[in-house]
N, C-alpha and C. Protein backbone atom coordinates (compact mmCIF):
# COMPACT_ATOMS: atom_id res chain seq x y z
N MET A 1 64.25 67.94 -16.79
CA MET A 1 63.73 67.74 -15.46
C MET A 1 62.62 66.69 -15.45
N GLY A 2 61.77 66.71 -16.48
CA GLY A 2 60.68 65.76 -16.57
C GLY A 2 61.19 64.34 -16.75
N SER A 3 62.25 64.16 -17.53
CA SER A 3 62.78 62.81 -17.76
C SER A 3 63.46 62.27 -16.49
N LEU A 4 64.05 63.16 -15.71
CA LEU A 4 64.66 62.74 -14.45
C LEU A 4 63.58 62.26 -13.48
N LEU A 5 62.48 62.97 -13.40
CA LEU A 5 61.37 62.57 -12.55
C LEU A 5 60.80 61.24 -13.00
N LEU A 6 60.66 61.08 -14.29
CA LEU A 6 60.15 59.82 -14.84
C LEU A 6 61.10 58.66 -14.52
N ALA A 7 62.39 58.89 -14.62
CA ALA A 7 63.38 57.85 -14.31
C ALA A 7 63.32 57.46 -12.83
N VAL A 8 63.17 58.44 -11.96
CA VAL A 8 63.10 58.16 -10.52
C VAL A 8 61.83 57.36 -10.22
N LEU A 9 60.71 57.75 -10.81
CA LEU A 9 59.47 57.02 -10.60
C LEU A 9 59.58 55.58 -11.11
N LEU A 10 60.22 55.40 -12.24
CA LEU A 10 60.41 54.07 -12.81
C LEU A 10 61.28 53.20 -11.89
N ILE A 11 62.33 53.78 -11.33
CA ILE A 11 63.19 53.04 -10.41
C ILE A 11 62.42 52.65 -9.15
N ILE A 12 61.63 53.58 -8.62
CA ILE A 12 60.83 53.28 -7.43
C ILE A 12 59.85 52.16 -7.73
N LEU A 13 59.22 52.20 -8.88
CA LEU A 13 58.28 51.16 -9.28
C LEU A 13 58.96 49.81 -9.40
N LEU A 14 60.11 49.76 -10.04
CA LEU A 14 60.84 48.50 -10.20
C LEU A 14 61.29 47.93 -8.86
N VAL A 15 61.77 48.78 -7.98
CA VAL A 15 62.22 48.32 -6.66
C VAL A 15 61.04 47.78 -5.87
N SER A 16 59.91 48.47 -5.90
CA SER A 16 58.74 48.00 -5.15
C SER A 16 58.22 46.69 -5.72
N LEU A 17 58.25 46.52 -7.03
CA LEU A 17 57.83 45.26 -7.63
C LEU A 17 58.76 44.12 -7.23
N PHE A 18 60.06 44.38 -7.24
CA PHE A 18 61.03 43.35 -6.88
C PHE A 18 60.84 42.90 -5.44
N TYR A 19 60.72 43.84 -4.51
CA TYR A 19 60.56 43.47 -3.11
C TYR A 19 59.19 42.85 -2.84
N GLY A 20 58.18 43.28 -3.55
CA GLY A 20 56.86 42.68 -3.41
C GLY A 20 56.86 41.23 -3.82
N LYS A 21 57.49 40.89 -4.93
CA LYS A 21 57.56 39.51 -5.39
C LYS A 21 58.39 38.66 -4.43
N LYS A 22 59.45 39.20 -3.90
CA LYS A 22 60.30 38.46 -2.97
C LYS A 22 59.50 38.10 -1.71
N GLU A 23 58.69 39.03 -1.23
CA GLU A 23 57.87 38.77 -0.05
C GLU A 23 56.83 37.69 -0.35
N ASP A 24 56.21 37.74 -1.53
CA ASP A 24 55.22 36.74 -1.91
C ASP A 24 55.84 35.36 -1.96
N LEU A 25 57.07 35.25 -2.47
CA LEU A 25 57.72 33.95 -2.54
C LEU A 25 57.98 33.41 -1.14
N GLY A 26 58.34 34.27 -0.22
CA GLY A 26 58.56 33.84 1.15
C GLY A 26 57.28 33.32 1.77
N THR A 27 56.18 33.98 1.50
CA THR A 27 54.88 33.56 2.02
C THR A 27 54.50 32.21 1.43
N GLU A 28 54.74 32.06 0.15
CA GLU A 28 54.42 30.78 -0.52
C GLU A 28 55.26 29.65 0.06
N ASP A 29 56.52 29.91 0.32
CA ASP A 29 57.39 28.89 0.92
C ASP A 29 56.91 28.51 2.32
N LYS A 30 56.49 29.51 3.09
CA LYS A 30 55.98 29.23 4.44
C LYS A 30 54.71 28.38 4.36
N GLU A 31 53.86 28.71 3.40
CA GLU A 31 52.62 27.95 3.21
C GLU A 31 52.94 26.49 2.87
N LYS A 32 53.91 26.28 2.02
CA LYS A 32 54.31 24.91 1.66
C LYS A 32 54.87 24.17 2.88
N GLU A 33 55.61 24.88 3.73
CA GLU A 33 56.16 24.26 4.93
C GLU A 33 55.05 23.81 5.88
N VAL A 34 54.06 24.66 6.05
CA VAL A 34 52.94 24.33 6.95
C VAL A 34 52.21 23.10 6.43
N ILE A 35 51.94 23.09 5.12
CA ILE A 35 51.24 21.95 4.52
C ILE A 35 52.07 20.68 4.68
N ALA A 36 53.36 20.77 4.42
CA ALA A 36 54.23 19.59 4.54
C ALA A 36 54.28 19.09 5.98
N ARG A 37 54.31 20.01 6.93
CA ARG A 37 54.35 19.62 8.34
C ARG A 37 53.04 18.94 8.78
N LEU A 38 51.90 19.50 8.34
CA LEU A 38 50.62 18.89 8.67
C LEU A 38 50.48 17.51 8.04
N ARG A 39 50.91 17.39 6.80
CA ARG A 39 50.83 16.10 6.10
C ARG A 39 51.73 15.06 6.78
N ALA A 40 52.93 15.47 7.15
CA ALA A 40 53.87 14.55 7.80
C ALA A 40 53.32 14.08 9.15
N ARG A 41 52.72 14.99 9.88
CA ARG A 41 52.14 14.62 11.18
C ARG A 41 51.01 13.61 10.98
N TYR A 42 50.19 13.83 9.96
CA TYR A 42 49.10 12.91 9.64
C TYR A 42 49.65 11.54 9.24
N GLN A 43 50.62 11.53 8.36
CA GLN A 43 51.22 10.27 7.90
C GLN A 43 51.90 9.52 9.04
N ASP A 44 52.58 10.25 9.92
CA ASP A 44 53.24 9.62 11.07
C ASP A 44 52.22 8.94 11.99
N ALA A 45 51.09 9.61 12.22
CA ALA A 45 50.05 9.03 13.07
C ALA A 45 49.45 7.78 12.42
N LEU A 46 49.28 7.83 11.11
CA LEU A 46 48.77 6.65 10.39
C LEU A 46 49.74 5.49 10.51
N GLN A 47 51.03 5.76 10.31
CA GLN A 47 52.04 4.71 10.38
C GLN A 47 52.19 4.16 11.80
N ALA A 48 51.94 5.00 12.80
CA ALA A 48 52.06 4.56 14.18
C ALA A 48 50.84 3.75 14.62
N GLY A 49 49.79 3.77 13.81
CA GLY A 49 48.59 3.01 14.14
C GLY A 49 47.68 3.70 15.15
N ASP A 50 47.88 4.99 15.37
CA ASP A 50 47.08 5.75 16.33
C ASP A 50 45.88 6.36 15.59
N LYS A 51 44.77 5.64 15.60
CA LYS A 51 43.59 6.07 14.83
C LYS A 51 43.03 7.40 15.32
N GLU A 52 43.02 7.59 16.62
CA GLU A 52 42.46 8.84 17.16
C GLU A 52 43.28 10.05 16.70
N LYS A 53 44.60 9.96 16.85
CA LYS A 53 45.47 11.06 16.42
C LYS A 53 45.44 11.21 14.91
N ALA A 54 45.42 10.10 14.19
CA ALA A 54 45.40 10.16 12.72
C ALA A 54 44.13 10.86 12.24
N ALA A 55 43.00 10.55 12.85
CA ALA A 55 41.74 11.21 12.46
C ALA A 55 41.82 12.72 12.74
N GLU A 56 42.34 13.08 13.91
CA GLU A 56 42.48 14.49 14.29
C GLU A 56 43.43 15.22 13.34
N TYR A 57 44.60 14.63 13.11
CA TYR A 57 45.60 15.26 12.26
C TYR A 57 45.16 15.29 10.80
N GLY A 58 44.45 14.26 10.38
CA GLY A 58 43.93 14.24 9.01
C GLY A 58 42.93 15.36 8.80
N ARG A 59 42.08 15.56 9.77
CA ARG A 59 41.11 16.66 9.67
C ARG A 59 41.83 18.02 9.67
N ASP A 60 42.84 18.16 10.50
CA ASP A 60 43.63 19.41 10.51
C ASP A 60 44.25 19.65 9.13
N TYR A 61 44.83 18.61 8.57
CA TYR A 61 45.51 18.71 7.28
C TYR A 61 44.53 19.10 6.17
N TYR A 62 43.44 18.38 6.04
CA TYR A 62 42.50 18.66 4.97
C TYR A 62 41.76 19.97 5.19
N ARG A 63 41.51 20.33 6.43
CA ARG A 63 40.87 21.61 6.73
C ARG A 63 41.78 22.75 6.28
N TYR A 64 43.07 22.59 6.50
CA TYR A 64 44.02 23.64 6.11
C TYR A 64 44.08 23.80 4.59
N LEU A 65 43.91 22.71 3.88
CA LEU A 65 43.96 22.78 2.42
C LEU A 65 42.76 23.50 1.81
N ARG A 66 41.66 23.54 2.53
CA ARG A 66 40.43 24.18 2.05
C ARG A 66 40.47 25.68 2.32
N ASN A 67 40.04 26.46 1.35
CA ASN A 67 40.01 27.92 1.51
C ASN A 67 39.06 28.35 2.62
N ASN A 68 37.97 27.61 2.78
CA ASN A 68 36.99 27.99 3.79
C ASN A 68 37.23 27.32 5.14
N GLY A 69 38.21 26.44 5.22
CA GLY A 69 38.54 25.78 6.48
C GLY A 69 37.57 24.69 6.88
N GLN A 70 36.68 24.32 5.99
CA GLN A 70 35.69 23.29 6.27
C GLN A 70 36.04 22.00 5.53
N LEU A 71 35.82 20.88 6.18
CA LEU A 71 36.04 19.59 5.52
C LEU A 71 34.90 19.29 4.57
N SER A 72 35.24 18.67 3.46
CA SER A 72 34.19 18.22 2.55
C SER A 72 33.89 16.75 2.87
N ALA A 73 32.82 16.26 2.29
CA ALA A 73 32.47 14.84 2.46
C ALA A 73 33.59 13.98 1.87
N PHE A 74 34.18 14.45 0.79
CA PHE A 74 35.29 13.72 0.17
C PHE A 74 36.48 13.63 1.12
N ASP A 75 36.79 14.73 1.81
CA ASP A 75 37.90 14.73 2.77
C ASP A 75 37.66 13.69 3.86
N GLU A 76 36.44 13.68 4.40
CA GLU A 76 36.10 12.71 5.44
C GLU A 76 36.22 11.28 4.93
N ARG A 77 35.82 11.07 3.69
CA ARG A 77 35.91 9.73 3.10
C ARG A 77 37.37 9.31 2.95
N VAL A 78 38.21 10.22 2.52
CA VAL A 78 39.64 9.91 2.37
C VAL A 78 40.24 9.55 3.73
N ILE A 79 39.91 10.33 4.75
CA ILE A 79 40.44 10.06 6.09
C ILE A 79 39.96 8.69 6.57
N GLN A 80 38.68 8.40 6.39
CA GLN A 80 38.13 7.11 6.83
C GLN A 80 38.79 5.96 6.07
N ASN A 81 39.04 6.14 4.79
CA ASN A 81 39.73 5.10 4.01
C ASN A 81 41.16 4.89 4.52
N ASP A 82 41.83 5.99 4.84
CA ASP A 82 43.18 5.88 5.39
C ASP A 82 43.17 5.14 6.72
N LEU A 83 42.20 5.46 7.57
CA LEU A 83 42.11 4.79 8.87
C LEU A 83 41.78 3.31 8.70
N ALA A 84 40.93 3.00 7.74
CA ALA A 84 40.56 1.60 7.52
C ALA A 84 41.75 0.79 6.99
N GLY A 85 42.67 1.46 6.33
CA GLY A 85 43.85 0.79 5.78
C GLY A 85 44.98 0.62 6.75
N MET A 86 44.77 1.03 7.98
CA MET A 86 45.85 0.94 8.99
C MET A 86 46.05 -0.50 9.42
């Protein structure tokens, strides 16, 4: 009886681990999609020569990449360099 209980618990543990990892992968894929979409929007604005939109979208993109949602001085410098290169 004890080994049957242990087997059932082991199966439950394995199933929960499998579904937990599958959900994490989906979240990671969604995160990559959001980043790719923000980057593409920024690049499109740069290529279109729209400095106002490029600055806005660049800030959105770099803000999203930061854990705290705040732009660093480096981020602002990168955006300004991109705008200057238009």
